């Protein structure tokens, strides 16, 4: 899974020099396969905007 994508989420752990990722997931896809994903954007090129519309929370990813 590409960790430089805006849709990637997970927790990087390091314990005595052993590194692993917990709770790795993509918020756009149901699989861990990024090949050919049409939603990929580098997380450094977008910014997150969250707001409420009534009781629904909406998240947008806008260009920086």
PDB file of N, CA and C in Angstrom:
ATOM      1  N   UNK A   1       0.845  -1.170   0.000  1.00  0.00           N
ATOM      2  CA  UNK A   1       0.000   0.000   0.000  1.00  0.00           C
ATOM      3  C   UNK A   1       0.901   1.248   0.000  1.00  0.00           C
ATOM      4  N   UNK A   2       0.508   2.250  -0.754  1.00  0.00           N
ATOM      5  CA  UNK A   2       1.307   3.473  -0.862  1.00  0.00           C
ATOM      6  C   UNK A   2       1.041   4.387   0.337  1.00  0.00           C
ATOM      7  N   UNK A   3       2.055   4.621   1.132  1.00  0.00           N
ATOM      8  CA  UNK A   3       1.897   5.448   2.329  1.00  0.00           C
ATOM      9  C   UNK A   3       1.989   6.939   2.026  1.00  0.00           C
ATOM     10  N   UNK A   4       2.333   7.315   0.787  1.00  0.00           N
ATOM     11  CA  UNK A   4       2.415   8.735   0.431  1.00  0.00           C
ATOM     12  C   UNK A   4       1.100   9.261  -0.144  1.00  0.00           C
ATOM     13  N   UNK A   5       0.057   8.424  -0.169  1.00  0.00           N
ATOM     14  CA  UNK A   5      -1.247   8.820  -0.701  1.00  0.00           C
ATOM     15  C   UNK A   5      -2.087   9.483   0.389  1.00  0.00           C
ATOM     16  N   UNK A   6      -2.911  10.441   0.010  1.00  0.00           N
ATOM     17  CA  UNK A   6      -3.761  11.134   0.976  1.00  0.00           C
ATOM     18  C   UNK A   6      -4.775  10.200   1.628  1.00  0.00           C
ATOM     19  N   UNK A   7      -5.158   9.124   0.962  1.00  0.00           N
ATOM     20  CA  UNK A   7      -6.191   8.223   1.468  1.00  0.00           C
ATOM     21  C   UNK A   7      -5.645   7.150   2.416  1.00  0.00           C
ATOM     22  N   UNK A   8      -4.327   7.041   2.538  1.00  0.00           N
ATOM     23  CA  UNK A   8      -3.730   6.027   3.407  1.00  0.00           C
ATOM     24  C   UNK A   8      -3.850   6.470   4.860  1.00  0.00           C
ATOM     25  N   UNK A   9      -4.189   5.530   5.704  1.00  0.00           N
ATOM     26  CA  UNK A   9      -4.139   5.796   7.140  1.00  0.00           C
ATOM     27  C   UNK A   9      -3.604   4.562   7.838  1.00  0.00           C
ATOM     28  N   UNK A  10      -2.882   4.797   8.887  1.00  0.00           N
ATOM     29  CA  UNK A  10      -2.281   3.721   9.651  1.00  0.00           C
ATOM     30  C   UNK A  10      -1.394   4.310  10.723  1.00  0.00           C
ATOM     31  N   UNK A  11      -0.930   3.461  11.604  1.00  0.00           N
ATOM     32  CA  UNK A  11      -0.070   3.892  12.695  1.00  0.00           C
ATOM     33  C   UNK A  11       1.262   3.178  12.570  1.00  0.00           C
ATOM     34  N   UNK A  12       2.327   3.956  12.366  1.00  0.00           N
ATOM     35  CA  UNK A  12       3.661   3.372  12.282  1.00  0.00           C
ATOM     36  C   UNK A  12       4.175   3.140  13.700  1.00  0.00           C
ATOM     37  N   UNK A  13       4.628   1.922  13.964  1.00  0.00           N
ATOM     38  CA  UNK A  13       5.127   1.533  15.282  1.00  0.00           C
ATOM     39  C   UNK A  13       6.590   1.127  15.186  1.00  0.00           C
ATOM     40  N   UNK A  14       7.318   1.365  16.268  1.00  0.00           N
ATOM     41  CA  UNK A  14       8.714   0.971  16.367  1.00  0.00           C
ATOM     42  C   UNK A  14       8.948   0.484  17.789  1.00  0.00           C
ATOM     43  N   UNK A  15       9.334  -0.781  17.915  1.00  0.00           N
ATOM     44  CA  UNK A  15       9.583  -1.360  19.231  1.00  0.00           C
ATOM     45  C   UNK A  15      10.924  -2.080  19.198  1.00  0.00           C
ATOM     46  N   UNK A  16      11.913  -1.527  19.869  1.00  0.00           N
ATOM     47  CA  UNK A  16      13.265  -2.106  19.908  1.00  0.00           C
ATOM     48  C   UNK A  16      13.840  -2.332  18.520  1.00  0.00           C
ATOM     49  N   UNK A  17      13.626  -1.395  17.614  1.00  0.00           N
ATOM     50  CA  UNK A  17      14.171  -1.469  16.266  1.00  0.00           C
ATOM     51  C   UNK A  17      13.335  -2.269  15.281  1.00  0.00           C
ATOM     52  N   UNK A  18      12.270  -2.886  15.748  1.00  0.00           N
ATOM     53  CA  UNK A  18      11.370  -3.621  14.855  1.00  0.00           C
ATOM     54  C   UNK A  18      10.248  -2.672  14.469  1.00  0.00           C
ATOM     55  N   UNK A  19      10.097  -2.428  13.159  1.00  0.00           N
ATOM     56  CA  UNK A  19       9.092  -1.480  12.691  1.00  0.00           C
ATOM     57  C   UNK A  19       7.949  -2.207  12.014  1.00  0.00           C
ATOM     58  N   UNK A  20       6.718  -1.749  12.261  1.00  0.00           N
ATOM     59  CA  UNK A  20       5.547  -2.303  11.604  1.00  0.00           C
ATOM     60  C   UNK A  20       4.453  -1.247  11.551  1.00  0.00           C
ATOM     61  N   UNK A  21       3.392  -1.535  10.793  1.00  0.00           N
ATOM     62  CA  UNK A  21       2.273  -0.602  10.649  1.00  0.00           C
ATOM     63  C   UNK A  21       1.009  -1.284  11.150  1.00  0.00           C
ATOM     64  N   UNK A  22       0.308  -0.619  12.064  1.00  0.00           N
ATOM     65  CA  UNK A  22      -0.955  -1.135  12.595  1.00  0.00           C
ATOM     66  C   UNK A  22      -2.121  -0.400  11.950  1.00  0.00           C
ATOM     67  N   UNK A  23      -3.236  -1.071  11.809  1.00  0.00           N
ATOM     68  CA  UNK A  23      -4.483  -0.482  11.313  1.00  0.00           C
ATOM     69  C   UNK A  23      -4.316   0.182   9.954  1.00  0.00           C
ATOM     70  N   UNK A  24      -3.518  -0.422   9.068  1.00  0.00           N
ATOM     71  CA  UNK A  24      -3.298   0.141   7.741  1.00  0.00           C
ATOM     72  C   UNK A  24      -4.554  -0.038   6.895  1.00  0.00           C
ATOM     73  N   UNK A  25      -5.002   1.070   6.277  1.00  0.00           N
ATOM     74  CA  UNK A  25      -6.165   0.991   5.396  1.00  0.00           C
ATOM     75  C   UNK A  25      -6.177   2.164   4.433  1.00  0.00           C
ATOM     76  N   UNK A  26      -6.988   2.023   3.405  1.00  0.00           N
ATOM     77  CA  UNK A  26      -7.201   3.073   2.417  1.00  0.00           C
ATOM     78  C   UNK A  26      -8.643   3.546   2.575  1.00  0.00           C
ATOM     79  N   UNK A  27      -8.841   4.843   2.675  1.00  0.00           N
ATOM     80  CA  UNK A  27     -10.197   5.365   2.848  1.00  0.00           C
ATOM     81  C   UNK A  27     -10.965   5.438   1.529  1.00  0.00           C
ATOM     82  N   UNK A  28     -10.304   5.157   0.394  1.00  0.00           N
ATOM     83  CA  UNK A  28     -10.971   5.178  -0.910  1.00  0.00           C
ATOM     84  C   UNK A  28     -11.304   3.783  -1.428  1.00  0.00           C
ATOM     85  N   UNK A  29     -10.524   2.781  -1.041  1.00  0.00           N
ATOM     86  CA  UNK A  29     -10.682   1.434  -1.587  1.00  0.00           C
ATOM     87  C   UNK A  29     -11.001   0.433  -0.494  1.00  0.00           C
ATOM     88  N   UNK A  30     -11.517  -0.700  -0.895  1.00  0.00           N
ATOM     89  CA  UNK A  30     -11.790  -1.792   0.037  1.00  0.00           C
ATOM     90  C   UNK A  30     -10.653  -2.800   0.082  1.00  0.00           C
ATOM     91  N   UNK A  31      -9.665  -2.643  -0.784  1.00  0.00           N
ATOM     92  CA  UNK A  31      -8.548  -3.584  -0.847  1.00  0.00           C
ATOM     93  C   UNK A  31      -7.255  -2.854  -0.514  1.00  0.00           C
ATOM     94  N   UNK A  32      -6.178  -3.607  -0.386  1.00  0.00           N
ATOM     95  CA  UNK A  32      -4.867  -3.013  -0.133  1.00  0.00           C
ATOM     96  C   UNK A  32      -4.053  -2.897  -1.415  1.00  0.00           C
ATOM     97  N   UNK A  33      -4.688  -3.081  -2.571  1.00  0.00           N
ATOM     98  CA  UNK A  33      -4.005  -3.003  -3.858  1.00  0.00           C
ATOM     99  C   UNK A  33      -4.145  -1.598  -4.431  1.00  0.00           C
ATOM    100  N   UNK A  34      -3.025  -0.913  -4.587  1.00  0.00           N
ATOM    101  CA  UNK A  34      -3.041   0.451  -5.105  1.00  0.00           C
ATOM    102  C   UNK A  34      -2.855   0.505  -6.625  1.00  0.00           C
ATOM    103  N   UNK A  35      -2.499  -0.598  -7.234  1.00  0.00           N
ATOM    104  CA  UNK A  35      -2.210  -0.622  -8.666  1.00  0.00           C
ATOM    105  C   UNK A  35      -3.419  -0.160  -9.470  1.00  0.00           C
ATOM    106  N   UNK A  36      -3.220   0.879 -10.262  1.00  0.00           N
ATOM    107  CA  UNK A  36      -4.289   1.385 -11.117  1.00  0.00           C
ATOM    108  C   UNK A  36      -5.347   2.195 -10.389  1.00  0.00           C
ATOM    109  N   UNK A  37      -5.096   2.610  -9.175  1.00  0.00           N
ATOM    110  CA  UNK A  37      -6.084   3.372  -8.408  1.00  0.00           C
ATOM    111  C   UNK A  37      -6.274   4.759  -9.029  1.00  0.00           C
ATOM    112  N   UNK A  38      -7.503   5.127  -9.298  1.00  0.00           N
ATOM    113  CA  UNK A  38      -7.777   6.433  -9.916  1.00  0.00           C
ATOM    114  C   UNK A  38      -7.892   7.551  -8.883  1.00  0.00           C
ATOM    115  N   UNK A  39      -7.853   7.215  -7.596  1.00  0.00           N
ATOM    116  CA  UNK A  39      -7.989   8.215  -6.542  1.00  0.00           C
ATOM    117  C   UNK A  39      -6.655   8.713  -6.004  1.00  0.00           C
ATOM    118  N   UNK A  40      -5.522   8.111  -6.419  1.00  0.00           N
ATOM    119  CA  UNK A  40      -4.220   8.463  -5.851  1.00  0.00           C
ATOM    120  C   UNK A  40      -3.874   9.934  -6.049  1.00  0.00           C
ATOM    121  N   UNK A  41      -3.498  10.572  -4.949  1.00  0.00           N
ATOM    122  CA  UNK A  41      -2.923  11.923  -4.958  1.00  0.00           C
ATOM    123  C   UNK A  41      -1.903  11.964  -3.831  1.00  0.00           C
ATOM    124  N   UNK A  42      -0.758  12.542  -4.112  1.00  0.00           N
ATOM    125  CA  UNK A  42       0.263  12.660  -3.088  1.00  0.00           C
ATOM    126  C   UNK A  42      -0.263  13.548  -1.962  1.00  0.00           C
ATOM    127  N   UNK A  43      -0.072  13.109  -0.719  1.00  0.00           N
ATOM    128  CA  UNK A  43      -0.634  13.842   0.422  1.00  0.00           C
ATOM    129  C   UNK A  43      -0.021  15.229   0.607  1.00  0.00           C
ATOM    130  N   UNK A  44       1.128  15.488  -0.024  1.00  0.00           N
ATOM    131  CA  UNK A  44       1.749  16.815   0.071  1.00  0.00           C
ATOM    132  C   UNK A  44       1.125  17.813  -0.901  1.00  0.00           C
ATOM    133  N   UNK A  45       0.273  17.357  -1.828  1.00  0.00           N
ATOM    134  CA  UNK A  45      -0.315  18.246  -2.825  1.00  0.00           C
ATOM    135  C   UNK A  45      -1.768  18.607  -2.525  1.00  0.00           C
ATOM    136  N   UNK A  46      -2.333  18.053  -1.441  1.00  0.00           N
ATOM    137  CA  UNK A  46      -3.732  18.332  -1.088  1.00  0.00           C
ATOM    138  C   UNK A  46      -3.840  18.718   0.384  1.00  0.00           C
ATOM    139  N   UNK A  47      -4.940  19.391   0.708  1.00  0.00           N
ATOM    140  CA  UNK A  47      -5.212  19.727   2.105  1.00  0.00           C
ATOM    141  C   UNK A  47      -6.612  19.237   2.453  1.00  0.00           C
ATOM    142  N   UNK A  48      -6.795  18.889   3.696  1.00  0.00           N
ATOM    143  CA  UNK A  48      -8.068  18.340   4.159  1.00  0.00           C
ATOM    144  C   UNK A  48      -8.958  19.449   4.699  1.00  0.00           C
ATOM    145  N   UNK A  49     -10.224  19.414   4.308  1.00  0.00           N
ATOM    146  CA  UNK A  49     -11.215  20.375   4.809  1.00  0.00           C
ATOM    147  C   UNK A  49     -12.424  19.576   5.295  1.00  0.00           C
ATOM    148  N   UNK A  50     -12.767  19.720   6.560  1.00  0.00           N
ATOM    149  CA  UNK A  50     -13.892  19.006   7.147  1.00  0.00           C
ATOM    150  C   UNK A  50     -14.902  20.021   7.667  1.00  0.00           C
ATOM    151  N   UNK A  51     -16.174  19.766   7.375  1.00  0.00           N
ATOM    152  CA  UNK A  51     -17.229  20.640   7.871  1.00  0.00           C
ATOM    153  C   UNK A  51     -18.495  19.828   8.081  1.00  0.00           C
ATOM    154  N   UNK A  52     -19.450  20.413   8.780  1.00  0.00           N
ATOM    155  CA  UNK A  52     -20.725  19.743   9.036  1.00  0.00           C
ATOM    156  C   UNK A  52     -21.823  20.385   8.204  1.00  0.00           C
ATOM    157  N   UNK A  53     -22.662  19.546   7.647  1.00  0.00           N
ATOM    158  CA  UNK A  53     -23.837  19.976   6.914  1.00  0.00           C
ATOM    159  C   UNK A  53     -25.013  19.294   7.599  1.00  0.00           C
ATOM    160  N   UNK A  54     -25.690  20.036   8.441  1.00  0.00           N
ATOM    161  CA  UNK A  54     -26.702  19.419   9.295  1.00  0.00           C
ATOM    162  C   UNK A  54     -26.001  18.555  10.330  1.00  0.00           C
ATOM    163  N   UNK A  55     -26.316  17.274  10.376  1.00  0.00           N
ATOM    164  CA  UNK A  55     -25.652  16.361  11.309  1.00  0.00           C
ATOM    165  C   UNK A  55     -24.631  15.466  10.616  1.00  0.00           C
ATOM    166  N   UNK A  56     -24.370  15.725   9.342  1.00  0.00           N
ATOM    167  CA  UNK A  56     -23.432  14.905   8.566  1.00  0.00           C
ATOM    168  C   UNK A  56     -22.093  15.624   8.478  1.00  0.00           C
ATOM    169  N   UNK A  57     -21.005  14.901   8.806  1.00  0.00           N
ATOM    170  CA  UNK A  57     -19.670  15.471   8.675  1.00  0.00           C
ATOM    171  C   UNK A  57     -19.129  15.128   7.296  1.00  0.00           C
ATOM    172  N   UNK A  58     -18.675  16.154   6.570  1.00  0.00           N
ATOM    173  CA  UNK A  58     -18.182  15.996   5.203  1.00  0.00           C
ATOM    174  C   UNK A  58     -16.699  16.343   5.168  1.00  0.00           C
ATOM    175  N   UNK A  59     -15.920  15.501   4.493  1.00  0.00           N
ATOM    176  CA  UNK A  59     -14.489  15.744   4.338  1.00  0.00           C
ATOM    177  C   UNK A  59     -14.187  15.926   2.862  1.00  0.00           C
ATOM    178  N   UNK A  60     -13.482  17.003   2.538  1.00  0.00           N
ATOM    179  CA  UNK A  60     -13.043  17.279   1.171  1.00  0.00           C
ATOM    180  C   UNK A  60     -11.524  17.332   1.141  1.00  0.00           C
ATOM    181  N   UNK A  61     -10.960  16.924   0.036  1.00  0.00           N
ATOM    182  CA  UNK A  61      -9.519  17.052  -0.188  1.00  0.00           C
ATOM    183  C   UNK A  61      -9.329  18.033  -1.329  1.00  0.00           C
ATOM    184  N   UNK A  62      -8.778  19.194  -1.024  1.00  0.00           N
ATOM    185  CA  UNK A  62      -8.620  20.278  -1.988  1.00  0.00           C
ATOM    186  C   UNK A  62      -7.154  20.483  -2.332  1.00  0.00           C
ATOM    187  N   UNK A  63      -6.850  20.957  -3.550  1.00  0.00           N
ATOM    188  CA  UNK A  63      -5.453  21.254  -3.910  1.00  0.00           C
ATOM    189  C   UNK A  63      -4.897  22.331  -2.996  1.00  0.00           C
ATOM    190  N   UNK A  64      -3.586  22.243  -2.703  1.00  0.00           N
ATOM    191  CA  UNK A  64      -2.931  23.257  -1.857  1.00  0.00           C
ATOM    192  C   UNK A  64      -2.733  24.534  -2.624  1.00  0.00           C
TER     193      UNK A  64
END
